[in-house]
N, C-alpha and C. Protein backbone atom coordinates (compact mmCIF):
# COMPACT_ATOMS: atom_id res chain seq x y z
N MET A 1 55.35 20.75 91.58
CA MET A 1 55.16 21.97 92.34
C MET A 1 55.56 21.73 93.79
N SER A 2 55.98 22.80 94.45
CA SER A 2 56.31 22.68 95.85
C SER A 2 55.14 23.07 96.73
N SER A 3 54.00 23.33 96.13
CA SER A 3 52.77 23.57 96.88
C SER A 3 51.62 23.04 96.06
N SER A 4 50.45 22.91 96.65
CA SER A 4 49.31 22.33 95.94
C SER A 4 48.22 23.36 95.75
N ARG A 5 47.39 23.13 94.74
CA ARG A 5 46.25 24.00 94.45
C ARG A 5 45.06 23.14 94.09
N ASP A 6 43.86 23.73 94.20
CA ASP A 6 42.65 23.04 93.79
C ASP A 6 42.45 23.28 92.30
N PHE A 7 41.95 22.27 91.59
CA PHE A 7 41.64 22.38 90.17
C PHE A 7 40.15 22.09 89.96
N ASN A 8 39.51 22.95 89.20
CA ASN A 8 38.12 22.71 88.81
C ASN A 8 38.14 22.15 87.40
N ILE A 9 37.82 20.88 87.27
CA ILE A 9 37.94 20.19 85.99
C ILE A 9 36.56 19.80 85.47
N VAL A 10 36.32 20.18 84.20
CA VAL A 10 35.08 19.79 83.54
C VAL A 10 35.22 18.34 83.10
N ALA A 11 34.17 17.56 83.27
CA ALA A 11 34.20 16.14 82.90
C ALA A 11 34.57 15.98 81.44
N ASP A 12 35.33 14.89 81.16
CA ASP A 12 35.72 14.53 79.80
C ASP A 12 36.55 15.61 79.11
N THR A 13 37.39 16.30 79.89
CA THR A 13 38.29 17.28 79.29
C THR A 13 39.72 16.83 79.54
N TYR A 14 40.61 17.43 78.76
CA TYR A 14 42.04 17.12 78.90
C TYR A 14 42.76 18.37 79.33
N PHE A 15 43.55 18.27 80.38
CA PHE A 15 44.28 19.42 80.90
C PHE A 15 45.70 18.99 81.20
N SER A 16 46.67 19.78 80.76
CA SER A 16 48.05 19.43 81.07
C SER A 16 48.85 20.67 81.42
N THR A 17 49.81 20.50 82.30
CA THR A 17 50.79 21.54 82.59
C THR A 17 52.14 20.89 82.59
N PHE A 18 53.18 21.66 82.83
CA PHE A 18 54.51 21.10 82.83
C PHE A 18 54.76 20.24 84.06
N TYR A 19 53.84 20.23 85.01
CA TYR A 19 54.03 19.43 86.21
C TYR A 19 53.12 18.20 86.26
N CYS A 20 51.95 18.31 85.69
CA CYS A 20 51.00 17.23 85.87
C CYS A 20 50.01 17.19 84.73
N SER A 21 49.22 16.14 84.67
CA SER A 21 48.17 16.05 83.66
C SER A 21 46.93 15.44 84.26
N ILE A 22 45.79 15.93 83.79
CA ILE A 22 44.50 15.39 84.22
C ILE A 22 43.76 14.97 82.96
N ILE A 23 43.45 13.72 82.84
CA ILE A 23 42.85 13.19 81.62
C ILE A 23 41.43 12.73 81.93
N GLY A 24 40.48 13.34 81.21
CA GLY A 24 39.09 12.95 81.37
C GLY A 24 38.59 13.09 82.80
N GLY A 25 39.19 13.96 83.59
CA GLY A 25 38.73 14.17 84.96
C GLY A 25 39.02 12.98 85.86
N VAL A 26 39.91 12.06 85.44
CA VAL A 26 40.19 10.86 86.22
C VAL A 26 41.03 11.18 87.44
N GLY A 27 42.09 11.97 87.29
CA GLY A 27 42.93 12.28 88.43
C GLY A 27 44.16 13.04 88.03
N LEU A 28 45.07 13.14 88.96
CA LEU A 28 46.27 13.94 88.81
C LEU A 28 47.50 13.04 88.70
N ASN A 29 48.29 13.24 87.65
CA ASN A 29 49.51 12.46 87.47
C ASN A 29 50.70 13.39 87.27
N PHE A 30 51.76 13.20 88.04
CA PHE A 30 52.96 13.97 87.83
C PHE A 30 53.71 13.41 86.63
N GLU A 31 54.42 14.28 85.92
CA GLU A 31 55.19 13.81 84.78
C GLU A 31 56.34 12.94 85.27
N ASN A 32 56.81 12.07 84.39
CA ASN A 32 57.91 11.19 84.75
C ASN A 32 59.17 12.00 85.09
N SER A 33 59.83 11.60 86.17
CA SER A 33 61.08 12.25 86.61
C SER A 33 60.89 13.74 86.86
N TYR A 34 59.69 14.11 87.35
CA TYR A 34 59.41 15.52 87.61
C TYR A 34 60.38 16.09 88.64
N ALA A 35 60.57 17.42 88.58
CA ALA A 35 61.41 18.12 89.55
C ALA A 35 60.56 19.16 90.27
N LEU A 36 60.84 19.36 91.54
CA LEU A 36 60.14 20.37 92.30
C LEU A 36 60.55 21.76 91.82
N SER A 37 59.63 22.69 91.88
CA SER A 37 59.93 24.04 91.44
C SER A 37 60.90 24.70 92.41
N SER A 38 61.56 25.75 91.92
CA SER A 38 62.50 26.49 92.74
C SER A 38 61.79 27.57 93.56
N PHE A 39 60.49 27.61 93.48
CA PHE A 39 59.72 28.66 94.16
C PHE A 39 58.44 28.06 94.72
N ASN A 40 57.87 28.72 95.69
CA ASN A 40 56.59 28.33 96.27
C ASN A 40 55.47 29.15 95.66
N LEU A 41 54.29 28.56 95.56
CA LEU A 41 53.13 29.27 95.05
C LEU A 41 52.32 29.85 96.21
N ASP A 42 51.88 31.07 96.02
CA ASP A 42 51.01 31.73 96.99
C ASP A 42 49.60 31.72 96.41
N GLU A 43 48.70 31.04 97.07
CA GLU A 43 47.34 30.89 96.53
C GLU A 43 46.60 32.21 96.44
N ASP A 44 47.11 33.26 97.08
CA ASP A 44 46.48 34.57 97.00
C ASP A 44 47.04 35.42 95.86
N LYS A 45 48.03 34.89 95.15
CA LYS A 45 48.64 35.61 94.04
C LYS A 45 48.26 34.94 92.72
N VAL A 46 48.43 35.69 91.64
CA VAL A 46 48.07 35.16 90.33
C VAL A 46 49.05 34.08 89.89
N PHE A 47 48.53 33.10 89.16
CA PHE A 47 49.36 32.04 88.57
C PHE A 47 48.85 31.80 87.16
N SER A 48 49.75 31.90 86.18
CA SER A 48 49.34 31.69 84.80
C SER A 48 50.51 31.13 84.00
N VAL A 49 50.19 30.51 82.88
CA VAL A 49 51.20 29.88 82.02
C VAL A 49 50.98 30.34 80.58
N GLY A 50 52.07 30.74 79.92
CA GLY A 50 52.02 31.11 78.51
C GLY A 50 53.24 30.56 77.81
N GLN A 51 53.54 31.06 76.60
CA GLN A 51 54.70 30.56 75.88
C GLN A 51 55.36 31.66 75.07
N TRP A 52 56.63 31.44 74.79
CA TRP A 52 57.46 32.37 74.02
C TRP A 52 58.02 31.57 72.85
N ASP A 53 57.59 31.92 71.64
CA ASP A 53 57.97 31.17 70.45
C ASP A 53 59.25 31.72 69.84
N ASP A 54 60.16 30.82 69.46
CA ASP A 54 61.42 31.16 68.78
C ASP A 54 62.20 32.26 69.47
N PRO A 55 62.40 32.20 70.79
CA PRO A 55 63.14 33.26 71.48
C PRO A 55 64.56 33.39 70.92
N GLY A 56 64.98 34.63 70.72
CA GLY A 56 66.31 34.86 70.18
C GLY A 56 66.48 34.39 68.76
N GLY A 57 65.38 34.09 68.07
CA GLY A 57 65.47 33.60 66.70
C GLY A 57 65.92 32.17 66.59
N ILE A 58 65.88 31.43 67.71
CA ILE A 58 66.29 30.03 67.71
C ILE A 58 65.11 29.18 67.23
N ALA A 59 65.15 28.75 66.00
CA ALA A 59 64.04 28.02 65.39
C ALA A 59 63.75 26.73 66.16
N GLY A 60 62.48 26.49 66.41
CA GLY A 60 62.06 25.27 67.07
C GLY A 60 62.08 25.34 68.58
N LEU A 61 62.66 26.40 69.14
CA LEU A 61 62.70 26.54 70.60
C LEU A 61 61.46 27.26 71.08
N THR A 62 60.82 26.70 72.08
CA THR A 62 59.68 27.34 72.73
C THR A 62 59.92 27.33 74.23
N LEU A 63 59.80 28.49 74.83
CA LEU A 63 59.93 28.59 76.28
C LEU A 63 58.55 28.70 76.91
N MET A 64 58.31 27.89 77.91
CA MET A 64 57.11 28.01 78.70
C MET A 64 57.32 29.13 79.72
N VAL A 65 56.39 30.07 79.76
CA VAL A 65 56.51 31.23 80.64
C VAL A 65 55.50 31.09 81.77
N VAL A 66 55.99 31.04 82.98
CA VAL A 66 55.14 30.84 84.16
C VAL A 66 55.15 32.10 85.00
N GLN A 67 53.98 32.69 85.17
CA GLN A 67 53.86 33.82 86.09
C GLN A 67 53.41 33.31 87.44
N ALA A 68 54.27 33.45 88.43
CA ALA A 68 53.93 33.10 89.81
C ALA A 68 53.98 34.38 90.63
N GLY A 69 52.82 34.98 90.83
CA GLY A 69 52.77 36.28 91.50
C GLY A 69 53.44 37.33 90.65
N GLY A 70 54.44 37.99 91.22
CA GLY A 70 55.12 39.06 90.51
C GLY A 70 56.40 38.64 89.83
N THR A 71 56.57 37.35 89.55
CA THR A 71 57.80 36.85 88.94
C THR A 71 57.49 35.98 87.74
N LEU A 72 58.28 36.12 86.68
CA LEU A 72 58.19 35.24 85.52
C LEU A 72 59.32 34.21 85.58
N HIS A 73 58.94 32.94 85.40
CA HIS A 73 59.90 31.84 85.33
C HIS A 73 59.82 31.25 83.93
N PHE A 74 60.93 30.65 83.46
CA PHE A 74 61.01 30.16 82.10
C PHE A 74 61.50 28.72 82.08
N TYR A 75 60.88 27.92 81.18
CA TYR A 75 61.23 26.51 81.05
C TYR A 75 61.33 26.16 79.57
N ASN A 76 62.30 25.33 79.24
CA ASN A 76 62.41 24.81 77.88
C ASN A 76 61.37 23.71 77.72
N SER A 77 60.34 23.98 76.93
CA SER A 77 59.24 23.02 76.79
C SER A 77 59.52 21.95 75.75
N GLY A 78 60.73 21.95 75.19
CA GLY A 78 61.06 20.94 74.19
C GLY A 78 61.78 19.73 74.76
N ILE A 79 62.07 19.77 76.05
CA ILE A 79 62.80 18.68 76.69
C ILE A 79 62.03 18.21 77.92
N ALA A 80 61.78 16.92 78.01
CA ALA A 80 61.09 16.36 79.18
C ALA A 80 62.11 15.88 80.21
N PRO A 81 61.80 15.99 81.48
CA PRO A 81 60.60 16.60 82.03
C PRO A 81 60.69 18.13 82.01
N TYR A 82 59.59 18.80 81.68
CA TYR A 82 59.58 20.25 81.59
C TYR A 82 60.02 20.89 82.90
N SER A 83 59.57 20.30 84.01
CA SER A 83 59.81 20.92 85.31
C SER A 83 61.28 20.98 85.67
N ALA A 84 62.12 20.18 84.99
CA ALA A 84 63.56 20.17 85.27
C ALA A 84 64.34 21.06 84.31
N GLN A 85 63.64 21.80 83.44
CA GLN A 85 64.30 22.58 82.40
C GLN A 85 64.19 24.08 82.64
N GLU A 86 64.22 24.49 83.91
CA GLU A 86 64.09 25.92 84.20
C GLU A 86 65.30 26.69 83.69
N ILE A 87 65.00 27.84 83.08
CA ILE A 87 66.04 28.71 82.53
C ILE A 87 66.13 29.95 83.41
N THR A 88 67.33 30.33 83.76
CA THR A 88 67.54 31.53 84.55
C THR A 88 68.10 32.64 83.65
N PRO A 89 67.91 33.92 84.03
CA PRO A 89 67.31 34.35 85.28
C PRO A 89 65.79 34.49 85.17
N THR A 90 65.16 34.74 86.30
CA THR A 90 63.74 35.07 86.31
C THR A 90 63.59 36.57 86.07
N VAL A 91 62.36 37.01 85.87
CA VAL A 91 62.08 38.44 85.66
C VAL A 91 61.19 38.93 86.80
N ASN A 92 61.65 39.93 87.52
CA ASN A 92 60.92 40.52 88.63
C ASN A 92 60.02 41.63 88.10
N LEU A 93 58.73 41.36 88.00
CA LEU A 93 57.79 42.32 87.41
C LEU A 93 57.56 43.54 88.29
N SER A 94 57.83 43.42 89.58
CA SER A 94 57.58 44.54 90.49
C SER A 94 58.47 45.75 90.15
N LEU A 95 59.57 45.51 89.43
CA LEU A 95 60.45 46.61 89.03
C LEU A 95 59.76 47.54 88.04
N TYR A 96 58.70 47.05 87.41
CA TYR A 96 58.00 47.83 86.39
C TYR A 96 56.56 48.13 86.81
N GLN A 97 56.27 47.94 88.08
CA GLN A 97 54.91 48.10 88.61
C GLN A 97 54.50 49.57 88.62
N ILE A 98 53.24 49.82 88.28
CA ILE A 98 52.67 51.17 88.31
C ILE A 98 52.25 51.50 89.73
N ALA A 99 52.50 52.72 90.15
CA ALA A 99 52.15 53.14 91.50
C ALA A 99 50.67 52.90 91.79
N GLY A 100 50.39 52.30 92.93
CA GLY A 100 49.01 52.02 93.32
C GLY A 100 48.47 50.71 92.80
N LYS A 101 49.27 49.97 92.02
CA LYS A 101 48.86 48.68 91.48
C LYS A 101 49.66 47.56 92.13
N ASP A 102 49.16 46.33 92.00
CA ASP A 102 49.86 45.16 92.52
C ASP A 102 50.01 44.16 91.38
N VAL A 103 51.22 44.12 90.81
CA VAL A 103 51.44 43.27 89.65
C VAL A 103 51.31 41.79 89.99
N SER A 104 51.51 41.45 91.24
CA SER A 104 51.42 40.03 91.64
C SER A 104 49.98 39.53 91.67
N MET A 105 49.03 40.45 91.55
CA MET A 105 47.61 40.08 91.57
C MET A 105 46.97 40.20 90.18
N THR A 106 47.77 40.56 89.19
CA THR A 106 47.24 40.82 87.85
C THR A 106 47.93 39.94 86.83
N GLN A 107 47.15 39.18 86.07
CA GLN A 107 47.73 38.30 85.06
C GLN A 107 48.31 39.12 83.91
N VAL A 108 49.51 38.76 83.48
CA VAL A 108 50.13 39.45 82.36
C VAL A 108 49.63 38.87 81.05
N GLN A 109 49.72 39.67 80.00
CA GLN A 109 49.42 39.23 78.64
C GLN A 109 50.75 39.11 77.90
N LEU A 110 50.92 38.01 77.15
CA LEU A 110 52.17 37.73 76.46
C LEU A 110 51.96 37.72 74.95
N ALA A 111 52.94 38.23 74.22
CA ALA A 111 52.89 38.19 72.76
C ALA A 111 54.29 37.98 72.21
N SER A 112 54.48 36.92 71.42
CA SER A 112 55.75 36.67 70.75
C SER A 112 55.77 37.43 69.44
N ILE A 113 56.73 38.34 69.28
CA ILE A 113 56.82 39.16 68.08
C ILE A 113 58.27 39.14 67.59
N ALA A 114 58.50 38.49 66.45
CA ALA A 114 59.83 38.48 65.82
C ALA A 114 60.92 38.11 66.82
N SER A 115 60.70 37.05 67.56
CA SER A 115 61.65 36.43 68.49
C SER A 115 61.77 37.13 69.84
N ILE A 116 61.06 38.25 70.03
CA ILE A 116 61.05 38.88 71.35
C ILE A 116 59.72 38.57 72.02
N LEU A 117 59.64 38.78 73.32
CA LEU A 117 58.40 38.55 74.05
C LEU A 117 57.96 39.86 74.69
N VAL A 118 56.76 40.31 74.34
CA VAL A 118 56.19 41.51 74.93
C VAL A 118 55.32 41.10 76.11
N VAL A 119 55.51 41.76 77.24
CA VAL A 119 54.79 41.45 78.47
C VAL A 119 54.06 42.70 78.91
N ALA A 120 52.74 42.58 79.09
CA ALA A 120 51.94 43.76 79.44
C ALA A 120 50.85 43.39 80.43
N SER A 121 50.47 44.34 81.26
CA SER A 121 49.30 44.22 82.11
C SER A 121 48.93 45.61 82.59
N GLU A 122 47.73 45.74 83.14
CA GLU A 122 47.27 47.04 83.61
C GLU A 122 48.03 47.50 84.85
N ALA A 123 48.80 46.60 85.47
CA ALA A 123 49.48 46.93 86.72
C ALA A 123 50.95 47.30 86.53
N MET A 124 51.42 47.31 85.28
CA MET A 124 52.85 47.54 85.06
C MET A 124 53.10 48.25 83.74
N ASN A 125 54.26 48.87 83.63
CA ASN A 125 54.70 49.40 82.36
C ASN A 125 55.06 48.24 81.44
N THR A 126 54.75 48.37 80.18
CA THR A 126 54.98 47.29 79.22
C THR A 126 56.48 47.10 78.99
N ILE A 127 56.91 45.84 78.95
CA ILE A 127 58.31 45.50 78.73
C ILE A 127 58.42 44.50 77.58
N TYR A 128 59.63 44.34 77.09
CA TYR A 128 59.87 43.25 76.14
C TYR A 128 61.16 42.54 76.53
N LEU A 129 61.20 41.24 76.24
CA LEU A 129 62.31 40.39 76.63
C LEU A 129 63.04 39.89 75.39
N THR A 130 64.36 39.82 75.48
CA THR A 130 65.17 39.23 74.43
C THR A 130 65.99 38.09 75.03
N TYR A 131 66.37 37.15 74.18
CA TYR A 131 67.10 35.96 74.64
C TYR A 131 68.25 35.70 73.68
N ASP A 132 69.46 35.47 74.22
CA ASP A 132 70.62 35.25 73.38
C ASP A 132 71.12 33.82 73.43
N GLY A 133 70.28 32.92 73.96
CA GLY A 133 70.67 31.53 74.09
C GLY A 133 71.19 31.19 75.47
N ALA A 134 71.48 32.24 76.25
CA ALA A 134 71.98 32.02 77.61
C ALA A 134 71.35 32.96 78.62
N ASN A 135 71.09 34.20 78.19
CA ASN A 135 70.58 35.21 79.11
C ASN A 135 69.31 35.84 78.58
N ILE A 136 68.45 36.26 79.51
CA ILE A 136 67.22 36.98 79.18
C ILE A 136 67.40 38.43 79.60
N THR A 137 67.19 39.35 78.67
CA THR A 137 67.35 40.78 78.93
C THR A 137 65.99 41.47 78.88
N VAL A 138 65.77 42.37 79.81
CA VAL A 138 64.49 43.08 79.91
C VAL A 138 64.68 44.54 79.49
N SER A 139 63.78 45.05 78.66
CA SER A 139 63.78 46.46 78.27
C SER A 139 62.37 47.00 78.41
N GLU A 140 62.28 48.21 78.90
CA GLU A 140 60.96 48.85 79.06
C GLU A 140 60.60 49.58 77.77
N ILE A 141 59.35 49.46 77.36
CA ILE A 141 58.90 50.10 76.13
C ILE A 141 58.47 51.52 76.44
N GLU A 142 59.02 52.44 75.66
CA GLU A 142 58.64 53.85 75.80
C GLU A 142 57.63 54.19 74.70
N PHE A 143 56.38 54.34 75.08
CA PHE A 143 55.35 54.66 74.09
C PHE A 143 55.41 56.14 73.74
N ARG A 144 55.26 56.41 72.47
CA ARG A 144 55.31 57.79 72.00
C ARG A 144 54.03 58.13 71.24
N VAL A 145 53.64 59.39 71.32
CA VAL A 145 52.45 59.85 70.62
C VAL A 145 52.86 60.47 69.29
N ARG A 146 52.27 59.99 68.23
CA ARG A 146 52.59 60.54 66.92
C ARG A 146 51.56 61.59 66.53
N ASP A 147 52.06 62.70 66.04
CA ASP A 147 51.22 63.81 65.60
C ASP A 147 50.81 63.57 64.15
N PHE A 148 49.51 63.58 63.88
CA PHE A 148 49.03 63.37 62.51
C PHE A 148 48.59 64.68 61.85
N ASP A 149 48.86 65.80 62.49
CA ASP A 149 48.52 67.10 61.90
C ASP A 149 49.73 67.68 61.19
N TRP A 150 49.53 68.23 60.00
CA TRP A 150 50.61 68.88 59.27
C TRP A 150 50.89 70.25 59.87
N LEU A 151 52.17 70.60 59.94
CA LEU A 151 52.55 71.93 60.43
C LEU A 151 52.74 72.91 59.28
N SER A 152 53.04 72.41 58.10
CA SER A 152 53.29 73.27 56.94
C SER A 152 51.99 73.58 56.21
N ASP A 153 52.06 74.60 55.36
CA ASP A 153 50.96 74.89 54.46
C ASP A 153 50.80 73.72 53.50
N VAL A 154 49.57 73.39 53.17
CA VAL A 154 49.32 72.21 52.34
C VAL A 154 50.02 72.30 50.99
N CYS A 155 50.20 73.51 50.47
CA CYS A 155 50.87 73.66 49.18
C CYS A 155 52.34 73.28 49.26
N ASP A 156 52.93 73.40 50.46
CA ASP A 156 54.33 73.05 50.64
C ASP A 156 54.54 71.55 50.79
N LEU A 157 53.45 70.79 50.92
CA LEU A 157 53.54 69.36 51.13
C LEU A 157 53.61 68.57 49.82
N ILE A 158 53.07 69.16 48.76
CA ILE A 158 52.96 68.43 47.51
C ILE A 158 54.08 68.77 46.52
N GLU A 159 54.96 69.70 46.90
CA GLU A 159 56.08 70.09 46.05
C GLU A 159 57.38 69.89 46.81
N LYS A 160 58.46 69.64 46.07
CA LYS A 160 59.76 69.62 46.71
C LYS A 160 60.14 71.04 47.10
N ILE A 161 60.84 71.15 48.23
CA ILE A 161 61.19 72.46 48.76
C ILE A 161 62.70 72.63 48.71
N PRO A 162 63.21 73.65 48.02
CA PRO A 162 64.66 73.87 47.97
C PRO A 162 65.24 74.06 49.37
N ASN A 163 66.49 73.66 49.52
CA ASN A 163 67.15 73.81 50.82
C ASN A 163 67.14 75.25 51.32
N THR A 164 67.19 76.19 50.37
CA THR A 164 67.22 77.59 50.76
C THR A 164 65.89 78.06 51.34
N ASP A 165 64.81 77.32 51.08
CA ASP A 165 63.48 77.74 51.54
C ASP A 165 62.90 76.84 52.64
N ILE A 166 63.63 75.80 53.02
CA ILE A 166 63.08 74.83 53.96
C ILE A 166 62.91 75.45 55.34
N THR A 167 61.81 75.09 56.01
CA THR A 167 61.53 75.56 57.37
C THR A 167 61.59 74.38 58.34
N ASN A 168 61.69 74.67 59.62
CA ASN A 168 61.70 73.60 60.62
C ASN A 168 60.38 72.83 60.61
N ALA A 169 59.27 73.54 60.34
CA ALA A 169 57.96 72.88 60.28
C ALA A 169 57.91 71.88 59.13
N ARG A 170 58.49 72.26 57.98
CA ARG A 170 58.49 71.37 56.81
C ARG A 170 59.41 70.17 57.05
N LYS A 171 60.54 70.40 57.75
CA LYS A 171 61.41 69.29 58.12
C LYS A 171 60.66 68.30 59.01
N TYR A 172 59.94 68.83 59.98
CA TYR A 172 59.17 67.98 60.90
C TYR A 172 58.16 67.15 60.13
N ASP A 173 57.45 67.78 59.20
CA ASP A 173 56.44 67.06 58.42
C ASP A 173 57.07 65.93 57.61
N ALA A 174 58.27 66.16 57.07
CA ALA A 174 58.94 65.11 56.29
C ALA A 174 59.27 63.91 57.17
N LEU A 175 59.83 64.16 58.34
CA LEU A 175 60.16 63.06 59.25
C LEU A 175 58.90 62.36 59.72
N ASN A 176 57.87 63.11 60.02
CA ASN A 176 56.62 62.53 60.52
C ASN A 176 55.90 61.74 59.44
N ALA A 177 56.22 62.03 58.17
CA ALA A 177 55.61 61.30 57.05
C ALA A 177 56.36 60.01 56.74
N GLY A 178 57.46 59.75 57.45
CA GLY A 178 58.15 58.48 57.26
C GLY A 178 59.58 58.59 56.78
N TRP A 179 60.05 59.81 56.50
CA TRP A 179 61.43 59.98 56.05
C TRP A 179 62.37 59.99 57.26
N VAL A 180 62.40 58.88 57.96
CA VAL A 180 63.18 58.74 59.19
C VAL A 180 63.45 57.26 59.41
N GLY A 181 64.53 56.96 60.15
CA GLY A 181 64.86 55.57 60.43
C GLY A 181 63.94 54.96 61.46
N ASN A 182 64.09 53.66 61.67
CA ASN A 182 63.27 52.97 62.66
C ASN A 182 63.68 53.34 64.06
N SER A 183 62.71 53.44 64.96
CA SER A 183 62.98 53.75 66.35
C SER A 183 63.93 52.71 66.94
N GLY A 184 64.94 53.20 67.67
CA GLY A 184 65.88 52.29 68.29
C GLY A 184 67.18 52.12 67.53
N THR A 185 67.21 52.61 66.26
CA THR A 185 68.45 52.52 65.49
C THR A 185 69.40 53.64 65.90
N THR A 186 70.64 53.55 65.49
CA THR A 186 71.66 54.54 65.85
C THR A 186 71.27 55.91 65.31
N LEU A 187 71.42 56.93 66.16
CA LEU A 187 71.04 58.29 65.77
C LEU A 187 71.99 58.84 64.71
N ASP A 188 71.43 59.66 63.83
CA ASP A 188 72.20 60.31 62.78
C ASP A 188 71.77 61.78 62.76
N THR A 189 72.64 62.64 62.22
CA THR A 189 72.33 64.08 62.16
C THR A 189 72.42 64.56 60.72
N PHE A 190 71.38 65.29 60.33
CA PHE A 190 71.33 65.86 58.98
C PHE A 190 70.53 67.16 59.03
N SER A 191 71.07 68.20 58.43
CA SER A 191 70.38 69.49 58.32
C SER A 191 69.88 70.00 59.68
N GLY A 192 70.71 69.80 60.70
CA GLY A 192 70.36 70.29 62.02
C GLY A 192 69.40 69.41 62.79
N ILE A 193 69.06 68.24 62.23
CA ILE A 193 68.11 67.33 62.87
C ILE A 193 68.84 66.06 63.29
N THR A 194 68.62 65.64 64.52
CA THR A 194 69.15 64.36 64.99
C THR A 194 67.98 63.40 65.12
N ALA A 195 68.06 62.27 64.43
CA ALA A 195 66.94 61.32 64.37
C ALA A 195 67.49 59.92 64.16
N PRO A 196 66.65 58.87 64.38
CA PRO A 196 67.08 57.50 64.09
C PRO A 196 67.57 57.38 62.65
N GLY A 197 68.77 56.81 62.47
CA GLY A 197 69.37 56.75 61.16
C GLY A 197 68.91 55.56 60.34
N GLY A 198 69.44 55.49 59.11
CA GLY A 198 69.08 54.40 58.21
C GLY A 198 67.70 54.58 57.62
N GLY A 199 67.25 53.62 56.84
CA GLY A 199 65.89 53.62 56.30
C GLY A 199 65.51 54.93 55.64
N GLY A 200 64.40 55.49 56.09
CA GLY A 200 63.88 56.71 55.50
C GLY A 200 64.78 57.92 55.68
N PHE A 201 65.54 57.95 56.80
CA PHE A 201 66.43 59.09 57.04
C PHE A 201 67.60 59.08 56.06
N GLN A 202 68.09 57.88 55.75
CA GLN A 202 69.14 57.77 54.74
C GLN A 202 68.59 58.11 53.36
N ALA A 203 67.36 57.69 53.08
CA ALA A 203 66.73 58.01 51.80
C ALA A 203 66.55 59.52 51.66
N LEU A 204 66.22 60.19 52.76
CA LEU A 204 66.07 61.64 52.75
C LEU A 204 67.39 62.31 52.37
N GLN A 205 68.48 61.86 52.95
CA GLN A 205 69.78 62.46 52.66
C GLN A 205 70.20 62.20 51.22
N THR A 206 69.90 61.01 50.72
CA THR A 206 70.22 60.67 49.32
C THR A 206 69.43 61.56 48.36
N TYR A 207 68.15 61.72 48.65
CA TYR A 207 67.29 62.58 47.82
C TYR A 207 67.83 64.01 47.83
N ASN A 208 68.14 64.49 49.03
CA ASN A 208 68.56 65.88 49.18
C ASN A 208 69.89 66.16 48.49
N SER A 209 70.82 65.22 48.57
CA SER A 209 72.14 65.44 47.98
C SER A 209 72.09 65.51 46.46
N SER A 210 71.12 64.84 45.86
CA SER A 210 71.01 64.83 44.39
C SER A 210 70.14 65.96 43.86
N ARG A 211 69.31 66.56 44.72
CA ARG A 211 68.37 67.57 44.23
C ARG A 211 68.47 68.90 44.98
N ASN A 212 69.26 68.92 46.07
CA ASN A 212 69.36 70.13 46.88
C ASN A 212 67.98 70.63 47.30
N ALA A 213 67.15 69.68 47.64
CA ALA A 213 65.78 70.01 48.04
C ALA A 213 65.23 68.91 48.92
N TRP A 214 64.15 69.25 49.62
CA TRP A 214 63.45 68.27 50.44
C TRP A 214 62.29 67.71 49.63
N PRO A 215 61.99 66.42 49.78
CA PRO A 215 61.03 65.76 48.88
C PRO A 215 59.58 66.18 49.13
N PRO A 216 58.75 66.08 48.09
CA PRO A 216 57.30 66.22 48.32
C PRO A 216 56.81 65.06 49.16
N LEU A 217 55.72 65.27 49.88
CA LEU A 217 55.23 64.25 50.79
C LEU A 217 54.01 63.53 50.24
N THR A 218 53.92 63.47 48.93
CA THR A 218 52.81 62.79 48.27
C THR A 218 53.03 61.29 48.15
N HIS A 219 54.31 60.85 48.33
CA HIS A 219 54.64 59.44 48.24
C HIS A 219 55.55 59.05 49.39
N PRO A 220 55.52 57.78 49.80
CA PRO A 220 56.42 57.34 50.86
C PRO A 220 57.87 57.33 50.39
N CYS A 221 58.79 57.30 51.35
CA CYS A 221 60.21 57.38 51.01
C CYS A 221 60.68 56.19 50.18
N VAL A 222 59.94 55.07 50.22
CA VAL A 222 60.38 53.87 49.49
C VAL A 222 59.94 53.90 48.03
N SER A 223 59.18 54.90 47.63
CA SER A 223 58.67 54.94 46.26
C SER A 223 59.71 55.52 45.31
């Protein structure tokens, strides 16, 4: 580290970071061939360490994620010394800060999900990170509210509806019941509706082309 901090250590405990280790409360040891960080620590800002498992689907790779105030830094934790394995670029969390909040004072929560890293805190809009082996890309998550109320008459939900009788409300209910592609996939247009393609939306078109009707909603599209 390029700055120092106080550590409160419980006796007979083991504590390690990518810069130093404290064993049994004996003292502080820097790792062999350690490197100074590229940034300074502000003792008035949050500091936390987490990890990102299998980033970019690279099996066996784990990135150490260091939050220093409002910035995330990344290190390859599979190669020693950790402190010399910083990966660029960093992520500036202030770009996603909520008005009236200070992201540099709030610890983020990290979750590795299918090779991406979700980053969230009460002080910022939730983001997710992707890694291609060389670059880290940031995307903001757009949360959507799903309506669980049916718009159609209940009798129209349990029977297939001919194309000649289909209503916009019944189309909405079909998509809301799962006859639609996954969010984020390429958009497709069918029967005047533009929605995420593939998956359930493709199944809807296949069903409709063979029956000239919209499916009953008593079963999922995969049945």
